[in-house]
Amino acid sequence: MKAKLFRIVRPASKLTVVTLIGVTLAGLLAFLALPAIAQAAPSSGTKCARDDVQCVINVGNQLITARLNALNTLSSRVTQQQQAGHITADAASALQADIATNQNGLKSLQSKLDAETSAQAARQDVKNIFWQFRIYAVVLPRDYQQLHFDIEEKLASKMAAAKATIEKAIASAPASKQAQLQSLYTDFKAQLVTAEAQFDTVQSTLPTLTPENYNQERTAYASNLAKVRSAEKTAHTALHQAASDLHQIAQLLKD
């Protein structure tokens, strides 16, 4: 009876590890499917006469509409990743709140712009589209970076939570495979440690990427942006390697 029970339990452990592989790969594919962070601001391509108020207003409206559309695209991406289970509800809520803040700010500025009666005032409103919001220079790169980070963090959390299951599956494997399995599992844990160490850097540095800092402290801003991107690249590489280790473990357990 004990032998029979062992044969039933062991495949279940293997199945759990294989299921985890699917979750891991889904998370990595979600990361890779996101658009490139760098996005160029579109140009209106229109030059207005010095006192042509309506022309300036029209140009400003085009610029605002483009930014609202880009923010809507980001909002849809966040919703998709949450519904797919790749980010937490709290992470999605924080991103959607930032998106809404920028959308509302732009809409408020648009209302002000549309009511202007002088070209000088309208031009100042158009300038503020860039100076106050920095949607393409700051907000979109930062928030897509945050979305990348949220996916990585959720993925790492799932992988870390599965350690006990993986250990049980390895313990029940044949002695001839133990050394190879243990080596892969050791590297798997090390890669998670590497990724998680980078998360602290990302969490502490992302909040410094603001329009104000971009405008006033450009050198420090550029340094912090490079720090975030480097940390996420390291974390991303580590998670890929951890997924590779996990895949090899599952293959050995299936054989």
Protein backbone atom coordinates (compact mmCIF):
# COMPACT_ATOMS: atom_id res chain seq x y z
CA MET A 1 0.00 0.00 0.00
CA LYS A 2 2.81 2.48 0.92
CA ALA A 3 4.59 1.83 -2.37
CA LYS A 4 1.37 2.38 -4.27
CA LEU A 5 0.69 5.62 -2.40
CA PHE A 6 4.22 6.85 -3.13
CA ARG A 7 3.66 6.28 -6.83
CA ILE A 8 0.52 8.41 -6.64
CA VAL A 9 2.11 11.29 -4.71
CA ARG A 10 5.30 11.51 -6.73
CA PRO A 11 3.66 12.26 -10.10
CA ALA A 12 1.58 14.94 -8.35
CA SER A 13 4.78 16.70 -7.23
CA LYS A 14 6.14 16.49 -10.75
CA LEU A 15 2.92 17.88 -12.14
CA THR A 16 3.10 20.85 -9.77
CA VAL A 17 6.62 21.67 -10.90
CA VAL A 18 5.61 21.40 -14.56
CA THR A 19 2.66 23.70 -13.86
CA LEU A 20 5.05 26.18 -12.29
CA ILE A 21 7.12 26.10 -15.48
CA GLY A 22 4.07 27.21 -17.42
CA VAL A 23 3.41 30.05 -14.99
CA THR A 24 7.04 31.15 -15.16
CA LEU A 25 7.18 31.15 -18.94
CA ALA A 26 3.88 33.01 -19.10
CA GLY A 27 5.32 35.71 -16.87
CA LEU A 28 8.45 36.03 -18.98
CA LEU A 29 6.43 36.16 -22.19
CA ALA A 30 4.29 38.89 -20.66
CA PHE A 31 7.44 40.87 -20.00
CA LEU A 32 8.78 40.37 -23.50
CA ALA A 33 5.43 41.30 -25.06
CA LEU A 34 5.47 44.79 -23.60
CA PRO A 35 6.35 47.64 -25.96
CA ALA A 36 9.77 49.26 -25.94
CA ILE A 37 10.03 51.85 -23.19
CA ALA A 38 11.58 54.58 -25.32
CA GLN A 39 8.86 56.49 -27.15
CA ALA A 40 9.36 59.56 -29.29
CA ALA A 41 7.04 62.51 -28.84
CA PRO A 42 5.08 63.21 -32.03
CA SER A 43 5.46 66.59 -33.69
CA SER A 44 2.45 68.59 -34.81
CA GLY A 45 4.32 69.70 -37.93
CA THR A 46 2.39 73.00 -37.86
CA LYS A 47 3.79 76.53 -37.58
CA CYS A 48 1.43 79.26 -36.49
CA ALA A 49 1.52 82.97 -37.20
CA ARG A 50 2.53 85.04 -34.19
CA ASP A 51 -0.99 86.18 -33.29
CA ASP A 52 -3.00 83.24 -34.63
CA VAL A 53 -4.65 82.11 -31.38
CA GLN A 54 -6.78 79.36 -32.90
CA CYS A 55 -3.82 77.82 -34.70
CA VAL A 56 -1.86 77.61 -31.45
CA ILE A 57 -4.89 76.12 -29.70
CA ASN A 58 -5.28 73.51 -32.45
CA VAL A 59 -1.61 72.55 -32.20
CA GLY A 60 -1.90 72.22 -28.44
CA ASN A 61 -4.99 70.04 -28.76
CA GLN A 62 -3.16 67.73 -31.16
CA LEU A 63 -0.26 67.39 -28.74
CA ILE A 64 -2.57 66.72 -25.78
CA THR A 65 -4.66 64.19 -27.71
CA ALA A 66 -1.55 62.23 -28.69
CA ARG A 67 -0.48 62.08 -25.05
CA LEU A 68 -3.92 61.06 -23.83
CA ASN A 69 -3.97 58.26 -26.42
CA ALA A 70 -0.54 57.05 -25.30
CA LEU A 71 -1.70 57.03 -21.68
CA ASN A 72 -4.83 55.10 -22.68
CA THR A 73 -2.63 52.49 -24.35
CA LEU A 74 -0.59 52.14 -21.16
CA SER A 75 -3.78 51.85 -19.11
CA SER A 76 -4.99 49.02 -21.34
CA ARG A 77 -1.65 47.24 -20.96
CA VAL A 78 -1.88 47.46 -17.19
CA THR A 79 -5.41 46.06 -17.24
CA GLN A 80 -4.35 43.19 -19.51
CA GLN A 81 -1.44 42.25 -17.26
CA GLN A 82 -3.62 42.34 -14.14
CA GLN A 83 -6.35 40.23 -15.73
CA ALA A 84 -3.73 37.71 -16.84
CA GLY A 85 -2.48 37.47 -13.26
CA HIS A 86 0.96 38.84 -14.10
CA ILE A 87 0.75 41.79 -11.68
CA THR A 88 -1.09 42.29 -8.40
CA ALA A 89 -4.24 44.35 -7.97
CA ASP A 90 -2.31 46.82 -5.79
CA ALA A 91 0.38 47.27 -8.45
CA ALA A 92 -2.26 47.83 -11.13
CA SER A 93 -4.13 50.30 -8.94
CA ALA A 94 -1.00 52.37 -8.31
CA LEU A 95 -0.21 52.56 -12.02
CA GLN A 96 -3.77 53.39 -13.01
CA ALA A 97 -3.83 56.16 -10.40
CA ASP A 98 -0.71 57.75 -11.88
CA ILE A 99 -2.14 57.44 -15.39
CA ALA A 100 -5.41 59.06 -14.27
CA THR A 101 -3.55 61.91 -12.56
CA ASN A 102 -1.72 62.74 -15.77
CA GLN A 103 -4.83 62.37 -17.92
CA ASN A 104 -6.84 64.66 -15.66
CA GLY A 105 -4.01 67.19 -15.59
CA LEU A 106 -3.79 67.24 -19.36
CA LYS A 107 -7.56 67.59 -19.73
CA SER A 108 -7.56 70.49 -17.30
CA LEU A 109 -4.78 72.17 -19.26
CA GLN A 110 -6.70 71.54 -22.47
CA SER A 111 -9.76 73.30 -21.06
CA LYS A 112 -7.60 76.28 -20.14
CA LEU A 113 -5.98 76.28 -23.58
CA ASP A 114 -9.29 76.15 -25.41
CA ALA A 115 -10.49 79.23 -23.49
CA GLU A 116 -7.46 81.40 -24.24
CA THR A 117 -7.99 84.62 -26.18
CA SER A 118 -4.37 85.61 -26.76
CA ALA A 119 -1.70 83.76 -28.69
CA GLN A 120 0.85 84.46 -25.94
CA ALA A 121 -1.26 82.76 -23.27
CA ALA A 122 -2.03 79.86 -25.60
CA ARG A 123 1.67 79.40 -26.35
CA GLN A 124 2.41 79.26 -22.63
CA ASP A 125 -0.21 76.52 -22.24
CA VAL A 126 1.42 74.59 -25.08
CA LYS A 127 4.80 74.99 -23.40
CA ASN A 128 3.30 73.57 -20.21
CA ILE A 129 2.24 70.41 -22.05
CA PHE A 130 5.95 69.63 -22.13
CA TRP A 131 7.29 71.39 -19.04
CA GLN A 132 4.67 70.29 -16.51
CA PHE A 133 3.88 66.79 -17.72
CA ARG A 134 6.82 65.32 -19.65
CA ILE A 135 4.60 62.43 -20.78
CA TYR A 136 7.01 61.05 -23.36
CA ALA A 137 10.25 61.97 -21.64
CA VAL A 138 9.31 60.85 -18.11
CA VAL A 139 5.84 59.43 -17.43
CA LEU A 140 5.58 56.74 -20.10
CA PRO A 141 9.17 55.44 -19.72
CA ARG A 142 8.83 55.44 -15.93
CA ASP A 143 5.40 53.79 -15.82
CA TYR A 144 6.29 51.13 -18.39
CA GLN A 145 9.42 50.50 -16.35
CA GLN A 146 7.20 50.16 -13.28
CA LEU A 147 4.97 47.71 -15.14
CA HIS A 148 8.03 45.66 -16.13
CA PHE A 149 9.15 45.66 -12.52
CA ASP A 150 5.71 44.62 -11.23
CA ILE A 151 5.68 41.63 -13.61
CA GLU A 152 9.18 40.62 -12.53
CA GLU A 153 8.32 40.96 -8.84
CA LYS A 154 5.15 38.87 -9.15
CA LEU A 155 7.03 36.24 -11.13
CA ALA A 156 9.87 36.07 -8.60
CA SER A 157 7.34 35.79 -5.78
CA LYS A 158 5.64 32.81 -7.45
CA MET A 159 8.96 31.12 -8.05
CA ALA A 160 10.13 31.67 -4.47
CA ALA A 161 6.83 30.36 -3.07
CA ALA A 162 7.35 27.11 -5.01
CA LYS A 163 10.65 26.20 -3.32
CA ALA A 164 9.06 23.70 -0.94
CA THR A 165 7.27 21.95 -3.81
CA ILE A 166 10.45 21.79 -5.87
CA GLU A 167 12.43 20.41 -2.94
CA LYS A 168 9.87 17.65 -2.38
CA ALA A 169 9.93 16.73 -6.05
CA ILE A 170 13.73 16.59 -6.07
CA ALA A 171 13.82 14.54 -2.87
CA SER A 172 11.64 11.88 -4.49
CA ALA A 173 13.78 11.68 -7.64
CA PRO A 174 16.16 8.77 -8.30
CA ALA A 175 19.57 8.96 -6.62
CA SER A 176 21.23 9.03 -10.05
CA LYS A 177 19.67 12.42 -10.74
CA GLN A 178 20.13 14.00 -7.35
CA ALA A 179 23.46 15.71 -8.01
CA GLN A 180 22.28 17.35 -11.23
CA LEU A 181 18.95 18.34 -9.73
CA GLN A 182 20.58 19.84 -6.65
CA SER A 183 23.04 21.80 -8.78
CA LEU A 184 20.21 23.26 -10.85
CA TYR A 185 18.17 24.02 -7.76
CA THR A 186 21.10 25.77 -6.09
CA ASP A 187 21.54 27.98 -9.13
CA PHE A 188 17.78 28.57 -9.27
CA LYS A 189 17.85 29.94 -5.70
CA ALA A 190 20.94 32.03 -6.40
CA GLN A 191 19.31 33.61 -9.44
CA LEU A 192 16.26 34.55 -7.37
CA VAL A 193 18.52 36.18 -4.77
CA THR A 194 20.21 38.16 -7.54
CA ALA A 195 16.89 39.32 -8.97
CA GLU A 196 15.45 40.25 -5.59
CA ALA A 197 18.54 42.29 -4.73
CA GLN A 198 17.90 44.42 -7.81
CA PHE A 199 14.30 45.01 -6.81
CA ASP A 200 15.40 47.17 -3.88
CA THR A 201 17.29 49.46 -6.25
CA VAL A 202 14.31 49.75 -8.58
CA GLN A 203 11.83 50.42 -5.77
CA SER A 204 13.94 53.15 -4.19
CA THR A 205 14.95 54.85 -7.43
CA LEU A 206 11.82 54.84 -9.61
CA PRO A 207 10.06 57.49 -7.45
CA THR A 208 12.87 59.96 -8.25
CA LEU A 209 11.95 59.89 -11.94
CA THR A 210 9.62 62.89 -11.97
CA PRO A 211 9.01 65.76 -14.40
CA GLU A 212 10.36 68.14 -11.76
CA ASN A 213 13.64 66.28 -11.44
CA TYR A 214 13.87 65.94 -15.21
CA ASN A 215 13.49 69.72 -15.55
CA GLN A 216 15.66 70.79 -12.63
CA GLU A 217 18.19 68.00 -12.00
CA ARG A 218 18.79 66.48 -15.41
CA THR A 219 22.17 64.93 -14.59
CA ALA A 220 20.88 63.22 -11.43
CA TYR A 221 17.74 62.18 -13.31
CA ALA A 222 19.76 60.55 -16.09
CA SER A 223 21.92 58.76 -13.52
CA ASN A 224 18.90 57.39 -11.67
CA LEU A 225 17.23 56.30 -14.90
CA ALA A 226 20.38 54.41 -15.91
CA LYS A 227 20.49 52.82 -12.46
CA VAL A 228 16.90 51.58 -12.76
CA ARG A 229 17.42 50.19 -16.25
CA SER A 230 20.63 48.43 -15.23
CA ALA A 231 18.97 46.88 -12.18
CA GLU A 232 15.99 45.67 -14.18
CA LYS A 233 18.21 44.24 -16.88
CA THR A 234 20.14 42.28 -14.25
CA ALA A 235 16.92 41.08 -12.62
CA HIS A 236 15.45 40.12 -15.99
CA THR A 237 18.54 38.08 -16.89
CA ALA A 238 18.51 36.36 -13.51
CA LEU A 239 14.83 35.43 -13.83
CA HIS A 240 15.43 34.02 -17.30
CA GLN A 241 18.21 31.85 -15.89
CA ALA A 242 16.04 30.77 -12.97
CA ALA A 243 13.32 29.79 -15.45
CA SER A 244 15.89 27.82 -17.44
CA ASP A 245 16.99 26.01 -14.27
CA LEU A 246 13.38 25.24 -13.44
CA HIS A 247 12.71 23.95 -16.93
CA GLN A 248 15.71 21.60 -16.72
CA ILE A 249 14.58 20.39 -13.31
CA ALA A 250 11.13 19.61 -14.69
CA GLN A 251 12.63 17.75 -17.65
CA LEU A 252 14.77 15.61 -15.37
CA LEU A 253 11.79 14.84 -13.14
CA LYS A 254 9.69 13.85 -16.15
CA ASP A 255 12.29 11.48 -17.62
